[in-house]
Amino acid sequence: MKKIMLFGRVAAGKTTLTQALRGEEIKYYKTQYVNYLDTVIDTPGEYTERRETSGALALYAYEADIVGLVLSANEPYSIFSPCLTSMVNREAIGIITGIDKPDANVERVRRWLQLAGCKKIFPVSSITGEGIKELAAYLEDDEDRARRLEAERLQEEQKKTTPKKPRARKKTAKETE
């Protein structure tokens, strides 16, 4: 999997998105540190909420293959300035979280992320799982794809070679007497 850094404000859904991408149970907790060895780098939201957004973005972006700007679908305003992604020498994608919320406005947030410079935008819900497979497939690299295809091929091979059990014949009324 390509290494992605999630960047967004507090309560944008970065931690739940990380847990959903890993297939873990969703637990709510605050990120206290940045783990550079992980495939998904979850940054504390306080870095984003400071005025030096671009400095914080540049600090962590060099560790990742892709930068993910995360905004909740019910954000009242955008925290990302226009053309923010031009400062990062990495591919930047937009991730809209919380699309399952009743007050979600996906189109407004999509426009904000496009203004920030995101070429690819993924609306996701960590709770319902909507959009998670598409995001995970996008983050899949060639090695992951080869492993997945090999596993699928082996499964098909195993299905062909596994003998089918003969179905039990139903007894007729005469045989049960």
Protein backbone atom coordinates (compact mmCIF):
# COMPACT_ATOMS: atom_id res chain seq x y z
CA MET A 1 0.00 0.00 0.00
CA LYS A 2 1.25 3.46 -0.80
CA LYS A 3 2.13 5.48 2.27
CA ILE A 4 -0.46 8.22 2.86
CA MET A 5 -0.39 11.10 5.32
CA LEU A 6 -3.80 12.24 6.52
CA PHE A 7 -3.94 15.96 7.21
CA GLY A 8 -6.99 17.70 8.65
CA ARG A 9 -8.36 19.50 11.67
CA VAL A 10 -9.42 18.00 15.00
CA ALA A 11 -12.61 15.91 14.61
CA ALA A 12 -12.31 15.70 10.81
CA GLY A 13 -12.39 11.89 10.98
CA LYS A 14 -8.71 11.06 10.35
CA THR A 15 -8.40 8.47 13.13
CA THR A 16 -11.65 6.65 12.29
CA LEU A 17 -10.63 6.68 8.63
CA THR A 18 -7.28 5.13 9.58
CA GLN A 19 -9.07 2.42 11.57
CA ALA A 20 -11.51 1.76 8.71
CA LEU A 21 -8.65 1.43 6.18
CA ARG A 22 -6.95 -1.10 8.47
CA GLY A 23 -10.20 -3.00 8.99
CA GLU A 24 -10.13 -2.38 12.74
CA GLU A 25 -13.00 -1.75 15.10
CA ILE A 26 -13.84 1.96 15.17
CA LYS A 27 -12.77 3.45 18.52
CA TYR A 28 -12.73 7.13 19.26
CA TYR A 29 -9.49 8.48 20.63
CA LYS A 30 -7.23 11.44 20.09
CA THR A 31 -4.00 11.01 18.13
CA GLN A 32 -1.11 12.06 20.33
CA TYR A 33 1.86 11.28 18.11
CA VAL A 34 2.82 10.56 14.53
CA ASN A 35 4.02 7.05 13.69
CA TYR A 36 6.27 7.32 10.63
CA LEU A 37 6.61 3.54 10.26
CA ASP A 38 2.91 3.04 9.59
CA THR A 39 1.36 2.94 6.12
CA VAL A 40 -1.25 5.52 7.13
CA ILE A 41 0.26 8.51 8.94
CA ASP A 42 -2.42 10.07 11.16
CA THR A 43 -1.34 13.59 12.17
CA PRO A 44 -2.75 15.32 15.26
CA GLY A 45 -5.34 17.91 14.24
CA GLU A 46 -3.74 20.66 16.29
CA TYR A 47 -1.06 20.97 13.59
CA THR A 48 -3.69 21.89 11.06
CA GLU A 49 -5.57 24.30 13.27
CA ARG A 50 -2.53 26.49 13.84
CA ARG A 51 -1.89 29.29 11.41
CA GLU A 52 1.20 27.55 10.02
CA THR A 53 -0.77 24.95 8.06
CA SER A 54 1.69 24.93 5.20
CA GLY A 55 4.67 24.47 7.56
CA ALA A 56 3.03 21.51 9.28
CA LEU A 57 2.09 20.03 5.91
CA ALA A 58 5.67 20.35 4.66
CA LEU A 59 7.01 18.84 7.91
CA TYR A 60 5.12 15.56 7.49
CA ALA A 61 4.66 15.30 3.73
CA TYR A 62 8.19 14.12 2.97
CA GLU A 63 7.46 10.84 4.79
CA ALA A 64 4.53 9.88 2.55
CA ASP A 65 3.88 8.95 -1.08
CA ILE A 66 0.48 10.67 -1.07
CA VAL A 67 -0.95 13.51 1.01
CA GLY A 68 -4.61 13.19 1.95
CA LEU A 69 -6.40 16.42 2.84
CA VAL A 70 -9.31 15.41 5.07
CA LEU A 71 -12.43 17.52 5.53
CA SER A 72 -15.67 16.48 7.18
CA ALA A 73 -18.77 16.75 4.99
CA ASN A 74 -20.41 19.06 7.53
CA GLU A 75 -17.53 21.54 7.87
CA PRO A 76 -18.76 25.12 8.20
CA TYR A 77 -15.67 26.50 6.40
CA SER A 78 -12.50 25.27 4.69
CA ILE A 79 -9.21 25.28 6.58
CA PHE A 80 -7.16 24.72 3.43
CA SER A 81 -6.06 27.73 1.44
CA PRO A 82 -6.35 27.72 -2.36
CA CYS A 83 -3.46 25.95 -4.12
CA LEU A 84 -2.17 24.54 -0.81
CA THR A 85 -1.12 21.30 -2.46
CA SER A 86 1.31 23.11 -4.76
CA MET A 87 3.62 23.49 -1.73
CA VAL A 88 3.96 19.73 -1.37
CA ASN A 89 6.07 17.74 -3.78
CA ARG A 90 3.65 14.82 -3.50
CA GLU A 91 0.38 13.71 -5.03
CA ALA A 92 -2.50 15.19 -3.03
CA ILE A 93 -5.96 13.68 -2.80
CA GLY A 94 -9.05 14.98 -1.05
CA ILE A 95 -10.98 12.82 1.37
CA ILE A 96 -14.47 13.85 2.47
CA THR A 97 -15.44 12.06 5.69
CA GLY A 98 -18.81 11.77 7.39
CA ILE A 99 -20.90 11.58 4.23
CA ASP A 100 -23.47 9.56 6.20
CA LYS A 101 -24.30 12.50 8.51
CA PRO A 102 -27.67 14.20 7.97
CA ASP A 103 -26.15 17.69 7.58
CA ALA A 104 -23.47 16.58 5.11
CA ASN A 105 -22.82 18.89 2.15
CA VAL A 106 -20.48 16.85 -0.05
CA GLU A 107 -20.55 19.19 -3.06
CA ARG A 108 -19.50 22.24 -1.06
CA VAL A 109 -16.56 20.36 0.49
CA ARG A 110 -15.64 18.90 -2.92
CA ARG A 111 -15.32 22.45 -4.32
CA TRP A 112 -13.10 23.47 -1.38
CA LEU A 113 -10.79 20.51 -1.94
CA GLN A 114 -10.60 21.25 -5.67
CA LEU A 115 -9.61 24.84 -4.86
CA ALA A 116 -6.89 23.51 -2.54
CA GLY A 117 -5.50 21.59 -5.54
CA CYS A 118 -6.76 18.04 -5.04
CA LYS A 119 -7.16 16.24 -8.38
CA LYS A 120 -8.82 13.10 -6.98
CA ILE A 121 -11.54 13.29 -4.29
CA PHE A 122 -12.98 10.38 -2.30
CA PRO A 123 -16.22 10.77 -0.31
CA VAL A 124 -16.12 8.14 2.49
CA SER A 125 -17.93 7.06 5.62
CA SER A 126 -15.81 5.20 8.15
CA ILE A 127 -18.89 4.08 10.05
CA THR A 128 -20.92 2.58 7.17
CA GLY A 129 -17.83 1.67 5.08
CA GLU A 130 -19.08 3.56 2.02
CA GLY A 131 -16.18 4.61 -0.22
CA ILE A 132 -13.50 2.84 1.86
CA LYS A 133 -12.93 0.10 -0.75
CA GLU A 134 -12.45 2.67 -3.52
CA LEU A 135 -9.93 4.61 -1.43
CA ALA A 136 -8.06 1.43 -0.46
CA ALA A 137 -7.97 0.33 -4.12
CA TYR A 138 -6.51 3.72 -5.09
CA LEU A 139 -3.81 3.38 -2.43
CA GLU A 140 -2.96 -0.14 -3.57
CA ASP A 141 0.47 -0.37 -5.19
CA ASP A 142 1.74 -2.90 -7.76
CA GLU A 143 2.97 -5.38 -5.12
CA ASP A 144 -0.39 -5.34 -3.33
CA ARG A 145 -2.22 -5.81 -6.63
CA ALA A 146 0.02 -8.76 -7.57
CA ARG A 147 -0.54 -10.38 -4.14
CA ARG A 148 -4.31 -9.90 -4.38
CA LEU A 149 -4.46 -11.36 -7.91
CA GLU A 150 -2.32 -14.32 -6.85
CA ALA A 151 -4.59 -14.98 -3.86
CA GLU A 152 -7.68 -14.83 -6.09
CA ARG A 153 -6.05 -17.23 -8.58
CA LEU A 154 -5.19 -19.69 -5.80
CA GLN A 155 -8.75 -19.52 -4.47
CA GLU A 156 -10.16 -20.33 -7.90
CA GLU A 157 -7.68 -23.19 -8.27
CA GLN A 158 -8.65 -24.56 -4.88
CA LYS A 159 -12.34 -24.44 -5.79
CA LYS A 160 -11.67 -26.47 -8.94
CA THR A 161 -9.57 -29.13 -7.20
CA THR A 162 -11.75 -29.54 -4.10
CA PRO A 163 -14.07 -32.49 -4.67
CA LYS A 164 -17.72 -31.72 -4.31
CA LYS A 165 -19.59 -33.70 -1.69
CA PRO A 166 -22.35 -35.86 -3.11
CA ARG A 167 -25.74 -34.64 -2.06
CA ALA A 168 -27.68 -36.94 0.20
CA ARG A 169 -30.59 -38.56 -1.57
CA LYS A 170 -33.97 -37.83 -0.03
CA LYS A 171 -35.78 -40.88 1.21
CA THR A 172 -39.08 -41.68 -0.35
CA ALA A 173 -42.23 -42.41 1.66
CA LYS A 174 -41.81 -46.18 1.13
CA GLU A 175 -38.23 -46.20 2.44
CA THR A 176 -39.13 -44.36 5.65
CA GLU A 177 -41.81 -46.95 6.62
